[in-house]
Protein backbone atom coordinates (compact mmCIF):
# COMPACT_ATOMS: atom_id res chain seq x y z
CA MET A 1 3.10 -7.62 8.26
CA GLY A 2 4.46 -5.45 5.77
CA GLY A 3 6.44 -7.71 3.30
CA ARG A 4 5.64 -8.45 -0.22
CA PHE A 5 3.67 -11.70 -1.72
CA HIS A 6 5.79 -14.28 -2.95
CA TRP A 7 5.18 -15.36 -6.62
CA ASN A 8 4.54 -18.75 -5.88
CA THR A 9 3.69 -21.11 -2.81
CA PRO A 10 4.06 -20.27 0.20
CA TRP A 11 2.76 -17.01 -1.07
CA ALA A 12 3.74 -15.41 2.18
CA VAL A 13 5.77 -16.26 5.31
CA HIS A 14 3.55 -14.41 7.71
CA PRO A 15 1.25 -16.83 9.98
CA VAL A 16 -1.84 -14.71 10.15
CA THR A 17 -1.63 -14.12 6.35
CA GLN A 18 -0.85 -17.89 5.44
CA ASN A 19 -3.90 -19.29 7.66
CA GLN A 20 -6.40 -16.64 5.86
CA LEU A 21 -5.27 -17.47 2.65
CA ARG A 22 -5.52 -21.23 3.07
CA SER A 23 -9.04 -20.91 4.61
CA GLY A 24 -9.83 -18.62 1.72
CA LEU A 25 -11.16 -15.67 4.04
CA PRO A 26 -10.37 -12.12 3.82
CA LEU A 27 -7.26 -11.44 5.52
CA PRO A 28 -5.53 -7.89 6.63
CA MET A 29 -2.89 -6.56 4.79
CA TYR A 30 -0.63 -3.31 4.84
CA CYS A 31 -1.62 -2.68 1.09
CA CYS A 32 -3.23 -4.44 -1.53
CA TRP A 33 -4.17 -3.17 -5.13
CA ASN A 34 -4.44 -5.57 -8.17
CA GLY A 35 -7.07 -4.29 -10.32
CA MET A 36 -9.82 -3.41 -8.01
CA VAL A 37 -10.44 -1.77 -4.81
CA MET A 38 -12.80 -0.26 -2.68
CA LEU A 39 -11.59 3.03 -0.75
CA ASN A 40 -12.85 5.01 2.25
CA PRO A 41 -13.30 8.47 0.73
CA GLU A 42 -12.66 10.72 3.73
CA PRO A 43 -8.90 10.82 3.23
CA PHE A 44 -9.81 12.13 0.03
CA ARG A 45 -11.77 14.92 1.65
CA ARG A 46 -8.88 15.89 3.87
CA GLY A 47 -6.83 16.55 0.43
CA LEU A 48 -5.36 13.05 -0.04
CA ARG A 49 -3.96 12.88 -3.47
CA PHE A 50 -2.40 10.11 -5.90
CA ARG A 51 1.34 11.40 -5.96
CA THR A 52 5.03 10.56 -7.00
CA HIS A 53 7.53 9.97 -4.20
CA LEU A 54 9.20 12.84 -2.15
CA HIS A 55 12.97 12.98 -1.90
CA GLY A 56 14.23 10.28 0.35
CA GLU A 57 10.65 8.47 0.27
CA CYS A 58 10.24 5.12 -1.10
CA MET A 59 10.27 4.96 -4.94
CA ALA A 60 7.18 3.16 -5.14
CA SER A 61 3.74 3.33 -7.35
CA GLU A 62 1.32 5.94 -6.73
CA CYS A 63 -1.16 2.94 -5.53
CA SER A 64 1.51 1.74 -2.71
CA LEU A 65 2.47 5.35 -1.83
CA LEU A 66 -1.36 5.96 -1.30
CA CYS A 67 -1.26 3.20 1.15
CA ASP A 68 1.55 4.61 3.08
CA ASP A 69 -0.42 7.96 3.13
CA MET A 70 -3.55 6.43 4.53
CA HIS A 71 -1.82 4.68 7.06
CA ARG A 72 -0.01 7.72 8.20
CA MET A 73 -3.25 9.52 8.44
CA GLY A 74 -4.77 6.89 10.54
CA PHE A 75 -6.91 4.75 8.03
CA SER A 76 -4.87 1.59 8.52
CA ARG A 77 -7.63 -1.29 8.13
CA VAL A 78 -6.70 -2.93 4.61
CA LEU A 79 -8.49 -6.02 3.58
CA MET A 80 -7.93 -8.54 0.75
CA ASP A 81 -10.57 -11.24 -0.13
CA PRO A 82 -8.81 -14.03 -1.57
CA SER A 83 -11.71 -15.55 -3.37
CA VAL A 84 -12.09 -12.39 -5.54
CA ARG A 85 -10.50 -12.99 -9.08
CA VAL A 86 -9.42 -10.22 -11.22
CA GLY A 87 -8.02 -10.28 -14.64
CA TYR A 88 -6.37 -7.51 -16.62
CA GLY A 89 -7.79 -8.93 -19.82
CA TYR A 90 -9.86 -11.38 -21.69
CA ALA A 91 -7.29 -14.01 -21.77
CA HIS A 92 -6.92 -13.89 -17.95
CA LYS A 93 -10.73 -14.30 -17.65
CA TRP A 94 -11.03 -17.17 -20.01
CA VAL A 95 -8.22 -18.94 -18.24
CA MET A 96 -9.74 -18.33 -14.65
CA THR A 97 -13.08 -19.41 -15.78
CA ALA A 98 -12.33 -22.42 -17.89
CA PRO A 99 -14.40 -25.81 -16.83
CA ASP A 100 -11.13 -27.59 -16.08
CA PHE A 101 -9.34 -24.62 -14.13
CA SER A 102 -9.08 -25.19 -10.27
CA TYR A 103 -8.59 -21.93 -8.55
CA THR A 104 -7.54 -24.01 -5.28
CA ASP A 105 -5.14 -26.63 -6.89
CA VAL A 106 -3.19 -23.65 -8.74
CA THR A 107 -3.08 -21.32 -5.57
CA GLY A 108 -3.66 -23.22 -2.46
CA PHE A 109 -6.62 -20.80 -1.43
CA ASN A 110 -9.97 -22.35 -0.77
CA VAL A 111 -12.69 -20.46 -2.50
CA THR A 112 -15.42 -19.33 -0.02
CA ASP A 113 -18.86 -17.64 -0.24
CA TRP A 114 -20.41 -15.01 1.89
CA ALA A 115 -21.92 -17.20 4.20
CA ALA A 116 -18.51 -18.85 5.34
CA VAL A 117 -16.92 -15.26 5.53
CA ALA A 118 -19.94 -14.07 7.85
CA ALA A 119 -19.44 -16.99 10.17
CA ALA A 120 -15.82 -16.71 10.52
CA PRO A 121 -14.20 -15.03 13.62
CA LYS A 122 -13.88 -11.23 13.32
CA ILE A 123 -10.21 -10.10 12.61
CA ASP A 124 -8.74 -8.62 15.76
CA TRP A 125 -7.00 -5.47 14.30
CA ALA A 126 -5.37 -4.99 17.60
CA ALA A 127 -3.68 -8.32 17.80
CA PRO A 128 0.38 -8.43 17.47
CA GLY A 129 0.09 -10.77 14.36
CA VAL A 130 -2.33 -8.09 12.39
CA ARG A 131 -1.00 -4.76 13.32
CA PRO A 132 1.53 -3.54 10.57
CA GLY A 133 5.13 -3.64 11.06
CA TYR A 134 5.42 0.24 10.70
CA SER A 135 9.18 0.24 11.54
CA SER A 136 10.33 -2.58 8.87
CA LEU A 137 8.21 -2.27 6.12
CA GLU A 138 9.41 -3.61 2.85
CA CYS A 139 10.39 -1.02 0.14
CA CYS A 140 11.08 -2.09 -3.52
CA ASP A 141 12.24 0.95 -5.31
CA LYS A 142 10.97 1.23 -9.05
CA GLN A 143 13.61 3.77 -10.88
CA PRO A 144 11.74 6.33 -13.19
CA LYS A 145 12.49 4.60 -16.47
CA ASP A 146 12.43 1.06 -15.45
CA GLU A 147 9.43 -1.17 -16.69
CA GLY A 148 9.81 -3.28 -13.45
CA VAL A 149 11.45 -3.62 -10.21
CA ASP A 150 14.57 -5.52 -9.05
CA TRP A 151 13.39 -7.67 -6.19
CA ALA A 152 16.87 -8.29 -5.19
CA LYS A 153 17.24 -4.73 -4.06
CA CYS A 154 13.91 -4.50 -1.95
CA HIS A 155 15.06 -3.03 1.60
CA ARG A 156 13.37 -2.21 4.88
CA VAL A 157 12.45 1.03 5.99
CA ASP A 158 10.68 3.06 8.55
CA ALA A 159 6.93 3.94 6.97
CA MET A 160 6.16 6.77 9.84
CA LYS A 161 9.54 8.38 9.96
CA PRO A 162 9.96 10.88 8.61
CA ASN A 163 6.26 11.83 7.66
CA TYR A 164 6.12 12.26 4.07
CA THR A 165 2.37 12.46 3.95
CA ALA A 166 2.21 15.47 6.41
CA ALA A 167 5.19 16.96 4.23
CA PHE A 168 3.20 16.77 1.18
CA MET A 169 -0.26 17.71 2.76
CA GLU A 170 1.24 20.81 4.35
CA GLN A 171 3.99 22.02 2.17
CA CYS A 172 2.71 21.00 -1.22
CA LEU A 173 -1.00 20.74 -1.24
CA PRO A 174 -1.86 24.30 -0.69
CA SER A 175 0.17 25.25 -3.84
CA ILE A 176 -1.28 22.46 -5.66
CA ARG A 177 -5.01 23.50 -4.99
CA ASN A 178 -4.25 27.09 -6.18
CA GLY A 179 -2.73 25.93 -9.19
CA ARG A 180 1.00 26.89 -8.48
CA PRO A 181 4.18 25.21 -8.37
CA GLY A 182 5.00 24.28 -4.68
CA LYS A 183 8.40 23.53 -2.66
CA TYR A 184 8.94 21.27 0.26
CA LEU A 185 11.94 20.50 2.37
CA VAL A 186 14.24 17.99 1.21
CA ASP A 187 15.92 17.32 4.50
CA LEU A 188 12.96 16.31 6.38
CA PRO A 189 13.62 15.74 10.21
CA VAL A 190 13.19 12.25 11.17
CA ASN A 191 9.98 13.24 13.72
CA TYR A 192 8.60 15.61 11.53
CA THR A 193 5.12 16.51 12.05
CA LEU A 194 4.19 20.12 11.17
CA ALA A 195 5.93 22.36 8.73
CA THR A 196 7.36 24.55 11.51
CA THR A 197 10.74 25.06 9.66
CA PRO A 198 11.13 28.13 7.53
CA LEU A 199 11.87 26.97 3.98
CA ALA A 200 14.34 29.71 3.69
CA ASN A 201 17.91 28.75 3.44
CA ARG A 202 16.98 25.04 3.57
CA THR A 203 17.44 22.35 0.45
CA VAL A 204 14.11 22.24 -1.13
CA SER A 205 12.50 20.55 -4.10
CA SER A 206 9.57 21.04 -6.41
CA CYS A 207 6.32 19.33 -5.34
CA PRO A 208 5.34 16.46 -7.41
CA THR A 209 1.78 16.16 -8.40
CA ALA A 210 0.73 12.64 -9.45
């Protein structure tokens, strides 16, 4: 787990994902955000913010970076319900609700009700096929001036090393809260945990805000 969905069937190569999609049951994800999401507010109480990437970090959207931050903070349970359909405009709504439109025929997903979800086996979040592959997460950098992503240039990264979330929270968040521009270390150690290294004589960059 940790790779992106494909544009057509099979939507994923991950066995657990394939099985849950075919069954129309909620499935564990590393990150999922497509028009509607429900989040645990606790990370935000601890200072989590929507932000842009730090130097050296995957140049992903603020939504994807938020997932990275939440995983690094220990909030690793992400669930997607394939029976929930969300559109970005009325055109999508009319297509998906048209009498002759078959969601199952188009996607291969069964549509389940809450009774079927409640009766399904509980997800074992500790199972090997469910735990995120943090050391080999797919990163698809989005250049600042580009409208989309060059999918051919996606590559694998370690989502936990360096800990960019800790760097942002410890080096940038205090200055942001005080309304001042902040700085952070550019050359983060791979095993960075706490900002114990003085900023003097080190390469720094301006902290992002959003």
